[in-house]
Protein backbone atom coordinates (compact mmCIF):
# COMPACT_ATOMS: atom_id res chain seq x y z
CA MET A 1 -20.93 76.69 -43.65
CA ALA A 2 -18.75 74.63 -45.98
CA LEU A 3 -15.07 74.34 -45.09
CA TYR A 4 -14.02 74.43 -48.74
CA THR A 5 -15.23 75.04 -52.29
CA LYS A 6 -14.98 72.69 -55.26
CA GLU A 7 -12.09 74.80 -56.53
CA ASN A 8 -10.32 74.55 -53.16
CA ALA A 9 -10.54 70.75 -53.24
CA LEU A 10 -9.30 70.48 -56.81
CA ASP A 11 -6.43 72.90 -56.18
CA TYR A 12 -5.46 70.92 -53.06
CA HIS A 13 -5.06 67.80 -55.19
CA ALA A 14 -3.33 69.51 -58.13
CA LYS A 15 -0.97 72.05 -56.54
CA PRO A 16 1.89 72.59 -55.91
CA ARG A 17 2.53 69.05 -57.10
CA PRO A 18 -0.13 66.63 -58.45
CA GLY A 19 -1.41 64.07 -55.94
CA LYS A 20 -1.01 63.73 -52.17
CA ILE A 21 1.91 61.33 -51.69
CA GLU A 22 5.40 60.75 -53.08
CA VAL A 23 8.42 58.49 -52.50
CA LEU A 24 11.39 59.98 -50.71
CA PRO A 25 14.83 58.49 -49.91
CA THR A 26 15.74 57.58 -46.34
CA LYS A 27 19.48 57.33 -46.99
CA PRO A 28 22.02 59.75 -48.49
CA CYS A 29 23.15 59.20 -52.05
CA ASP A 30 25.57 62.06 -52.52
CA ASN A 31 28.91 60.45 -53.37
CA GLN A 32 30.54 57.36 -54.84
CA LYS A 33 30.50 55.46 -51.56
CA ASP A 34 26.80 56.13 -51.00
CA LEU A 35 26.03 55.06 -54.56
CA SER A 36 28.03 51.86 -54.26
CA MET A 37 26.17 50.88 -51.07
CA ALA A 38 22.72 51.95 -52.26
CA TYR A 39 23.01 49.88 -55.42
CA SER A 40 25.77 47.82 -56.96
CA PRO A 41 27.88 46.29 -55.54
CA GLY A 42 27.04 47.00 -51.86
CA VAL A 43 23.35 46.15 -52.16
CA ALA A 44 24.36 42.52 -52.66
CA GLU A 45 25.30 42.31 -48.97
CA ALA A 46 21.70 43.03 -47.97
CA CYS A 47 20.38 40.64 -50.63
CA LEU A 48 22.58 37.78 -49.43
CA ALA A 49 21.69 38.41 -45.79
CA ILE A 50 17.99 38.20 -46.61
CA LYS A 51 18.49 35.11 -48.74
CA ALA A 52 20.10 33.42 -45.73
CA ASP A 53 17.35 34.59 -43.36
CA GLU A 54 14.18 35.98 -44.94
CA SER A 55 13.05 37.60 -41.68
CA LEU A 56 15.83 40.14 -42.22
CA VAL A 57 13.83 41.68 -45.08
CA ASP A 58 12.22 43.94 -42.47
CA VAL A 59 15.68 44.94 -41.18
CA TYR A 60 17.34 45.80 -44.48
CA THR A 61 14.32 47.10 -46.47
CA GLY A 62 11.27 49.24 -45.78
CA ARG A 63 8.86 46.30 -46.11
CA GLY A 64 8.01 46.20 -42.41
CA ASN A 65 6.58 49.73 -42.55
CA LEU A 66 4.99 49.51 -45.99
CA VAL A 67 1.27 48.95 -46.56
CA ALA A 68 -0.50 48.36 -49.87
CA VAL A 69 -3.83 50.16 -50.20
CA VAL A 70 -5.55 47.95 -52.78
CA SER A 71 -8.76 48.85 -54.60
CA ASN A 72 -10.61 48.25 -57.85
CA GLY A 73 -12.85 51.29 -57.39
CA THR A 74 -16.13 49.36 -57.33
CA ALA A 75 -17.51 50.92 -54.10
CA VAL A 76 -15.82 54.28 -53.53
CA LEU A 77 -17.14 56.29 -50.58
CA GLY A 78 -20.65 57.40 -51.50
CA LEU A 79 -19.75 57.53 -55.20
CA GLY A 80 -20.27 53.86 -56.06
CA ASN A 81 -18.54 52.02 -58.90
CA ILE A 82 -16.40 54.80 -60.38
CA GLY A 83 -13.44 52.63 -61.38
CA PRO A 84 -9.79 52.42 -60.30
CA LYS A 85 -8.56 55.69 -61.83
CA ALA A 86 -11.38 57.82 -60.39
CA GLY A 87 -10.89 56.04 -57.08
CA LYS A 88 -7.14 56.75 -56.95
CA PRO A 89 -7.50 60.13 -55.12
CA VAL A 90 -9.19 58.26 -52.28
CA MET A 91 -6.42 55.67 -52.12
CA GLU A 92 -3.78 58.42 -52.08
CA GLY A 93 -5.87 59.99 -49.34
CA LYS A 94 -5.55 56.81 -47.29
CA GLY A 95 -1.82 57.05 -47.90
CA ILE A 96 -1.53 60.55 -46.46
CA LEU A 97 -3.62 59.57 -43.42
CA PHE A 98 -1.50 56.47 -42.77
CA LYS A 99 1.63 58.62 -42.93
CA MET A 100 0.50 61.65 -40.96
CA PHE A 101 -1.29 59.79 -38.19
CA ALA A 102 1.00 56.76 -37.78
CA ASP A 103 4.15 57.24 -39.95
CA ILE A 104 3.27 54.27 -42.15
CA ASP A 105 4.43 54.27 -45.78
CA VAL A 106 1.90 53.40 -48.49
CA PHE A 107 1.81 52.43 -52.12
CA ASP A 108 -1.70 52.62 -53.51
CA ILE A 109 -2.46 49.75 -55.90
CA ASN A 110 -5.43 50.50 -58.15
CA LEU A 111 -6.50 47.42 -60.07
CA ALA A 112 -8.40 47.28 -63.37
CA GLU A 113 -9.90 43.97 -62.30
CA THR A 114 -13.27 42.84 -60.92
CA ASP A 115 -12.81 39.05 -60.84
CA PRO A 116 -12.37 38.24 -57.12
CA ASP A 117 -10.13 35.22 -57.78
CA LYS A 118 -7.82 37.29 -59.97
CA ILE A 119 -7.69 40.02 -57.33
CA VAL A 120 -6.76 37.39 -54.75
CA ALA A 121 -3.97 36.10 -57.00
CA ILE A 122 -2.62 39.61 -57.66
CA VAL A 123 -2.61 40.67 -54.02
CA LYS A 124 -1.18 37.37 -52.81
CA ALA A 125 1.74 37.81 -55.22
CA LEU A 126 2.53 41.17 -53.59
CA GLU A 127 3.44 39.67 -50.21
CA PRO A 128 7.23 39.96 -50.68
CA THR A 129 6.86 43.74 -51.09
CA PHE A 130 4.47 44.68 -48.29
CA GLY A 131 4.21 44.30 -44.54
CA ALA A 132 0.41 44.48 -44.65
CA ILE A 133 -2.54 44.86 -47.02
CA ASN A 134 -5.36 47.40 -46.67
CA LEU A 135 -8.25 46.48 -48.96
CA GLU A 136 -10.34 49.50 -49.84
CA ASP A 137 -13.56 50.34 -51.68
CA ILE A 138 -14.23 46.88 -53.14
CA LYS A 139 -17.92 46.11 -53.37
CA ALA A 140 -19.78 43.43 -51.41
CA PRO A 141 -20.07 40.49 -51.44
CA GLU A 142 -16.81 40.10 -53.38
CA CYS A 143 -14.91 42.00 -50.67
CA PHE A 144 -15.83 39.36 -48.07
CA TYR A 145 -14.53 36.51 -50.21
CA ILE A 146 -11.35 38.40 -51.14
CA GLU A 147 -10.50 39.25 -47.54
CA GLU A 148 -11.37 35.79 -46.20
CA THR A 149 -9.23 34.08 -48.82
CA LEU A 150 -6.25 36.39 -48.47
CA LYS A 151 -6.27 36.12 -44.67
CA LYS A 152 -6.05 32.34 -45.01
CA GLU A 153 -3.35 32.36 -47.67
CA MET A 154 -1.07 35.25 -46.65
CA GLY A 155 1.28 35.54 -43.69
CA ILE A 156 0.79 39.29 -43.19
CA PRO A 157 -2.19 41.34 -41.95
CA VAL A 158 -5.00 41.76 -44.49
CA PHE A 159 -7.64 44.26 -43.43
CA HIS A 160 -10.65 45.57 -45.34
CA ASP A 161 -11.06 49.01 -43.81
CA ASP A 162 -14.54 49.65 -45.25
CA GLN A 163 -15.68 46.78 -43.07
CA HIS A 164 -13.61 46.86 -39.93
CA GLY A 165 -12.61 50.52 -39.62
CA THR A 166 -16.21 51.66 -39.29
CA ALA A 167 -16.90 48.69 -37.04
CA VAL A 168 -14.16 49.57 -34.56
CA ILE A 169 -15.13 53.23 -34.21
CA SER A 170 -18.87 52.62 -33.99
CA ALA A 171 -18.28 49.77 -31.51
CA ALA A 172 -16.40 52.21 -29.27
CA ALA A 173 -19.35 54.57 -29.51
CA LEU A 174 -21.78 51.73 -28.75
CA ILE A 175 -19.85 50.72 -25.61
CA ASN A 176 -20.10 54.22 -24.19
CA ALA A 177 -23.63 54.87 -25.44
CA CYS A 178 -24.85 51.77 -23.62
CA GLU A 179 -23.09 52.91 -20.45
CA ILE A 180 -24.56 56.41 -20.60
CA THR A 181 -28.10 55.14 -21.27
CA LYS A 182 -27.71 52.34 -18.68
CA ARG A 183 -28.21 49.57 -21.25
CA ASN A 184 -26.86 46.04 -21.15
CA ILE A 185 -25.46 45.43 -24.61
CA SER A 186 -26.71 41.83 -24.57
CA ASP A 187 -30.29 43.09 -24.22
CA CYS A 188 -30.13 45.64 -27.05
CA LYS A 189 -32.43 45.30 -30.04
CA VAL A 190 -30.39 46.46 -33.03
CA VAL A 191 -31.87 47.47 -36.38
CA VAL A 192 -29.41 47.67 -39.26
CA SER A 193 -30.18 49.43 -42.54
CA GLY A 194 -27.74 48.18 -45.15
CA ALA A 195 -26.13 44.79 -45.60
CA GLY A 196 -22.88 45.72 -47.30
CA ALA A 197 -19.29 45.52 -46.10
CA ALA A 198 -19.46 48.08 -43.29
CA ALA A 199 -22.89 47.06 -42.00
CA THR A 200 -21.92 43.41 -41.87
CA ALA A 201 -18.62 44.06 -40.09
CA CYS A 202 -20.18 46.48 -37.60
CA THR A 203 -22.87 43.96 -36.72
CA ASN A 204 -20.35 41.14 -36.34
CA LEU A 205 -18.21 43.23 -33.99
CA TYR A 206 -21.27 44.22 -31.96
CA ILE A 207 -22.03 40.52 -31.62
CA SER A 208 -18.47 39.94 -30.41
CA LEU A 209 -19.16 42.59 -27.76
CA GLY A 210 -22.32 40.81 -26.61
CA VAL A 211 -25.23 41.69 -28.90
CA LYS A 212 -27.38 38.62 -29.54
CA VAL A 213 -27.85 37.58 -33.18
CA SER A 214 -31.55 37.02 -32.43
CA ASN A 215 -31.79 40.74 -31.54
CA VAL A 216 -30.40 41.92 -34.90
CA TYR A 217 -32.83 43.03 -37.60
CA MET A 218 -30.85 43.69 -40.79
CA PHE A 219 -32.43 45.21 -43.89
CA ASP A 220 -31.09 45.24 -47.44
CA THR A 221 -32.68 46.79 -50.54
CA LYS A 222 -35.28 44.00 -50.62
CA GLY A 223 -36.38 44.29 -47.00
CA LEU A 224 -35.69 42.38 -43.82
CA ILE A 225 -33.22 39.53 -44.02
CA HIS A 226 -35.29 36.56 -42.87
CA LYS A 227 -35.31 32.79 -43.31
CA GLY A 228 -38.17 32.83 -45.78
CA ARG A 229 -36.01 34.49 -48.43
CA THR A 230 -34.25 32.40 -51.05
CA ASP A 231 -31.88 35.12 -52.34
CA LEU A 232 -29.50 35.35 -49.38
CA ASN A 233 -25.75 34.74 -49.64
CA LYS A 234 -24.04 33.16 -46.64
CA TYR A 235 -23.01 36.54 -45.24
CA LYS A 236 -26.58 37.81 -45.10
CA ALA A 237 -28.04 34.47 -44.04
CA ALA A 238 -26.05 34.66 -40.80
CA PHE A 239 -28.40 37.44 -39.64
CA ALA A 240 -31.70 36.00 -40.87
CA GLN A 241 -34.69 36.49 -38.58
CA GLU A 242 -37.33 33.79 -38.26
CA LYS A 243 -40.16 35.96 -39.62
CA ASP A 244 -40.52 38.94 -41.92
CA CYS A 245 -41.52 42.42 -40.76
CA SER A 246 -41.41 45.99 -42.05
CA PHE A 247 -38.71 48.51 -41.22
CA LYS A 248 -41.13 50.55 -39.11
CA GLU A 249 -42.19 47.46 -37.19
CA ALA A 250 -38.57 46.52 -36.51
CA MET A 251 -37.73 50.03 -35.32
CA THR A 252 -40.55 50.02 -32.78
CA GLY A 253 -38.91 49.53 -29.40
CA ALA A 254 -35.41 49.28 -30.91
CA ASP A 255 -32.48 50.37 -28.75
CA VAL A 256 -29.95 50.87 -31.53
CA PHE A 257 -30.17 51.94 -35.15
CA LEU A 258 -27.16 51.36 -37.39
CA GLY A 259 -27.51 53.01 -40.78
CA LEU A 260 -25.21 52.50 -43.73
CA SER A 261 -27.76 52.96 -46.47
CA VAL A 262 -29.63 56.02 -47.83
CA ALA A 263 -30.51 59.52 -46.66
CA GLY A 264 -33.94 60.27 -45.27
CA LEU A 265 -34.88 56.72 -44.36
CA VAL A 266 -35.62 57.43 -40.69
CA THR A 267 -38.35 59.92 -39.75
CA LYS A 268 -38.93 61.71 -36.46
CA ASP A 269 -41.97 59.51 -35.84
CA ILE A 270 -39.83 56.39 -36.26
CA VAL A 271 -37.33 57.72 -33.72
CA LYS A 272 -40.19 58.42 -31.32
CA SER A 273 -41.28 54.78 -31.68
CA MET A 274 -37.87 53.50 -30.55
CA ALA A 275 -36.93 52.69 -26.97
CA LYS A 276 -36.28 55.54 -24.52
CA ASP A 277 -33.10 57.52 -25.25
CA PRO A 278 -32.23 55.51 -28.38
CA ILE A 279 -28.79 55.14 -29.95
CA LEU A 280 -28.63 56.14 -33.63
CA PHE A 281 -25.57 55.70 -35.81
CA ALA A 282 -26.80 57.19 -39.09
CA MET A 283 -23.85 56.99 -41.46
CA ALA A 284 -25.25 57.30 -44.97
CA ASN A 285 -22.82 59.46 -46.93
CA PRO A 286 -22.95 62.42 -47.35
CA GLU A 287 -26.45 62.85 -45.87
CA PRO A 288 -27.38 60.56 -42.95
CA GLU A 289 -30.57 58.49 -42.68
CA ILE A 290 -31.89 61.21 -40.35
CA SER A 291 -30.38 64.59 -39.60
CA TYR A 292 -28.95 65.37 -36.20
CA ALA A 293 -31.53 68.15 -35.72
CA ASP A 294 -34.49 65.88 -36.52
CA ALA A 295 -33.21 63.08 -34.31
CA LYS A 296 -32.74 65.45 -31.37
CA GLU A 297 -36.16 67.01 -31.90
CA ALA A 298 -37.76 63.57 -31.81
CA SER A 299 -35.72 62.35 -28.83
CA PRO A 300 -33.66 65.08 -27.09
CA ASN A 301 -31.59 62.58 -25.08
CA CYS A 302 -30.82 60.24 -27.96
CA ILE A 303 -27.20 59.50 -28.76
CA MET A 304 -26.63 60.36 -32.40
CA GLY A 305 -23.53 59.55 -34.43
CA THR A 306 -22.82 60.16 -38.12
CA GLY A 307 -19.87 60.14 -40.49
CA ARG A 308 -19.88 63.94 -40.68
CA SER A 309 -17.50 66.31 -38.93
CA ASP A 310 -20.16 69.01 -38.47
CA TYR A 311 -22.24 66.85 -36.11
CA PRO A 312 -21.24 65.43 -32.71
CA ASN A 313 -19.95 61.86 -32.41
CA GLN A 314 -18.29 61.61 -35.81
CA ILE A 315 -17.61 57.97 -36.66
CA ASN A 316 -14.46 58.44 -38.69
CA ASN A 317 -12.25 55.55 -39.82
CA VAL A 318 -9.10 57.62 -39.33
CA SER A 319 -9.49 56.97 -35.60
CA GLY A 320 -8.95 53.30 -36.35
CA PHE A 321 -6.95 52.03 -39.31
CA PRO A 322 -3.64 53.93 -38.90
CA PHE A 323 -3.30 52.79 -35.30
CA LEU A 324 -4.45 49.22 -35.94
CA PHE A 325 -1.81 48.86 -38.64
CA ARG A 326 0.88 50.64 -36.58
CA GLY A 327 0.38 48.23 -33.69
CA ALA A 328 0.20 45.21 -35.98
CA LEU A 329 3.36 46.13 -37.89
CA ASP A 330 5.35 46.96 -34.79
CA VAL A 331 4.83 43.52 -33.24
CA GLY A 332 5.08 41.66 -36.57
CA ALA A 333 1.51 40.40 -36.28
CA LYS A 334 0.44 37.68 -38.71
CA GLU A 335 -3.03 39.20 -38.95
CA ILE A 336 -5.39 41.76 -37.45
CA ASN A 337 -7.71 39.53 -35.46
CA GLU A 338 -10.94 40.04 -33.53
CA ALA A 339 -9.06 40.57 -30.24
CA MET A 340 -7.10 43.45 -31.76
CA LYS A 341 -10.25 45.11 -33.11
CA ILE A 342 -12.01 44.79 -29.76
CA ALA A 343 -8.94 46.19 -28.00
CA ALA A 344 -8.96 49.16 -30.38
CA ALA A 345 -12.66 49.82 -29.73
CA LYS A 346 -12.29 49.54 -25.95
CA SER A 347 -9.27 51.84 -25.92
CA LEU A 348 -11.20 54.52 -27.81
CA ALA A 349 -14.17 54.11 -25.49
CA ALA A 350 -11.90 54.54 -22.47
CA LEU A 351 -10.15 57.59 -23.91
CA ALA A 352 -13.49 59.37 -24.39
CA LYS A 353 -13.90 59.45 -20.61
CA GLU A 354 -10.62 61.30 -20.07
CA PRO A 355 -10.43 65.12 -19.77
CA VAL A 356 -9.99 66.61 -23.25
CA PRO A 357 -6.83 68.73 -23.63
CA GLU A 358 -6.90 72.30 -24.91
CA GLU A 359 -5.08 71.39 -28.13
CA VAL A 360 -8.02 69.23 -29.20
CA SER A 361 -10.43 72.06 -28.43
CA LYS A 362 -8.32 74.43 -30.56
CA ALA A 363 -8.39 71.98 -33.48
CA TYR A 364 -12.18 72.23 -33.43
CA GLY A 365 -12.58 76.00 -33.24
CA GLY A 366 -12.40 76.27 -29.46
CA GLU A 367 -15.33 73.92 -28.80
CA LYS A 368 -15.24 72.20 -25.43
CA PHE A 369 -15.82 68.45 -25.07
CA SER A 370 -16.69 66.21 -22.15
CA PHE A 371 -17.99 62.67 -21.87
CA GLY A 372 -21.73 62.53 -22.48
CA ILE A 373 -24.42 62.04 -25.10
CA ASP A 374 -22.72 64.39 -27.60
CA TYR A 375 -19.20 63.09 -26.93
CA VAL A 376 -19.06 59.29 -26.74
CA ILE A 377 -15.93 58.82 -28.85
CA PRO A 378 -12.71 60.86 -29.10
CA LYS A 379 -12.40 63.41 -31.86
CA PRO A 380 -10.42 62.09 -34.86
CA LEU A 381 -7.79 64.83 -34.44
CA ASP A 382 -7.11 63.92 -30.81
CA PRO A 383 -3.35 63.10 -30.78
CA ARG A 384 -3.77 60.89 -27.69
CA ILE A 385 -5.41 58.19 -29.82
CA LEU A 386 -1.93 57.20 -31.00
CA VAL A 387 -0.74 56.22 -27.52
CA TRP A 388 -4.03 54.75 -26.34
CA GLU A 389 -5.10 52.65 -29.29
CA THR A 390 -1.80 51.55 -30.83
CA PRO A 391 -0.35 49.94 -27.67
CA ALA A 392 -3.72 48.32 -26.93
CA VAL A 393 -3.69 46.72 -30.38
CA ALA A 394 -0.06 45.62 -30.02
CA GLN A 395 -0.78 44.12 -26.59
CA ALA A 396 -3.82 42.24 -27.92
CA ALA A 397 -1.69 40.80 -30.72
CA MET A 398 0.90 39.62 -28.19
CA ASP A 399 -1.74 38.22 -25.83
CA SER A 400 -3.38 36.26 -28.65
CA GLY A 401 -0.09 34.70 -29.76
CA ILE A 402 0.24 36.17 -33.24
CA ALA A 403 3.10 38.61 -32.59
CA ARG A 404 6.47 37.71 -34.09
CA LYS A 405 8.25 40.68 -32.41
CA PRO A 406 6.81 41.20 -28.92
CA ILE A 407 7.33 44.60 -27.30
CA LYS A 408 9.18 44.33 -23.97
CA ASP A 409 8.79 47.89 -22.63
CA MET A 410 5.34 49.30 -23.41
CA GLN A 411 5.99 52.69 -21.81
CA ALA A 412 9.11 53.20 -23.89
CA TYR A 413 7.10 52.10 -26.94
CA LYS A 414 4.45 54.76 -26.25
CA GLU A 415 7.11 57.45 -25.97
CA SER A 416 8.71 56.30 -29.23
CA LEU A 417 5.36 56.53 -31.03
CA VAL A 418 4.94 60.18 -30.07
CA LYS A 419 8.46 61.09 -31.21
CA ARG A 420 8.10 59.13 -34.43
CA VAL A 421 4.85 60.74 -35.56
CA GLN A 422 6.01 64.19 -34.48
CA LYS A 423 9.14 63.89 -36.62
CA CYS A 424 7.06 62.57 -39.52
CA ARG A 425 4.78 65.60 -39.41
CA GLU A 426 7.73 67.97 -39.18
CA ARG A 427 9.29 66.39 -42.29
CA ALA A 428 5.99 66.61 -44.16
CA ASP A 429 5.52 70.28 -43.25
CA SER A 430 9.06 71.12 -44.29
CA LEU A 431 8.68 69.29 -47.59
CA TYR A 432 5.39 71.02 -48.39
CA LYS A 433 6.86 74.46 -47.67
CA SER A 434 9.77 73.67 -50.01
CA TYR A 435 7.33 73.34 -52.90
CA LEU A 436 5.75 76.76 -52.38
């Protein structure tokens, strides 16, 4: 049963005020003194302090808690190249998730530009305004080049969530799925359907966790990526197999299927041909490469994950990006590196083994959850993710030497996170009620 109708969704975006985010003041501006400090002449004191020491920009402005969600609308969800205006509701959606899950402020920047070098120049010029950049819904392979270049040329975190958000959550699921099925991740044969941003990043993170490149069989729209092809860019060539084979041949005996492609690609017979108790992450949107029911009929003990909330093991980016950015911003990280992504994945994997509190069960209609084949990753609405993942990311940034503002008391930091997000949600609820 659908949770909403088309009319519900449109009304949600249009009423009681168009859009999902707005800018609100954090200081009073009620009298002459307030006005003189907020703007002229008192604002000059903050300006001069920052001019003398630019690191103070995060003390006297909101830059240190402000993220740009940047998109050109060329690869929006499952909708494709719909353009920057049609993609704006998604970018505002990222803004509300950043705020409600991690109290991070967002300006969404929707660019009428497809030239990757021009996008790089535009985003690079935004560095004085933002504490971090979240690239979103930019098509491959341009997105790889844009992120790579910006990470080299900017001194703040640049993170393409379509790539790394999915990678972190699915990597957490893979860690636990391998444990449950008694697999050694280094021995897993992994078949990947799709060679875009998310598929590439997922595969790279799996390799960082121990998957061998020689055990990866990646397929794009033209078939297996192999060394006999002459049409491969450098990102695809990194996964090239020695010899060609069909999708069905590759799936025979495979331990893991990662799907970020098209619905209906995987049949029950193909699942039956895989290794015992296979792991399937079928994340085509909105319909997966194989349905949960068909996968379970073919292999009752398989571990199945999708991007959908109505199936177990939902691989949802909201379990990743708000907390990655929160941790990165709070320690003044120069980037979000591989160590931070691995720390995020491992923290989520560990949390899934903990007893699930009643409040999480209530958020999902009273359903009970416990670690096992149908619960290998925490539910996206589990509030404990904030205090498991965020500190793990912050610690990884400190351990890898990229933190400008190390946290001295991690327990106090965890407690502050809970209070901060709770107050943020209370403000949001109060504001919404004021509009009604």
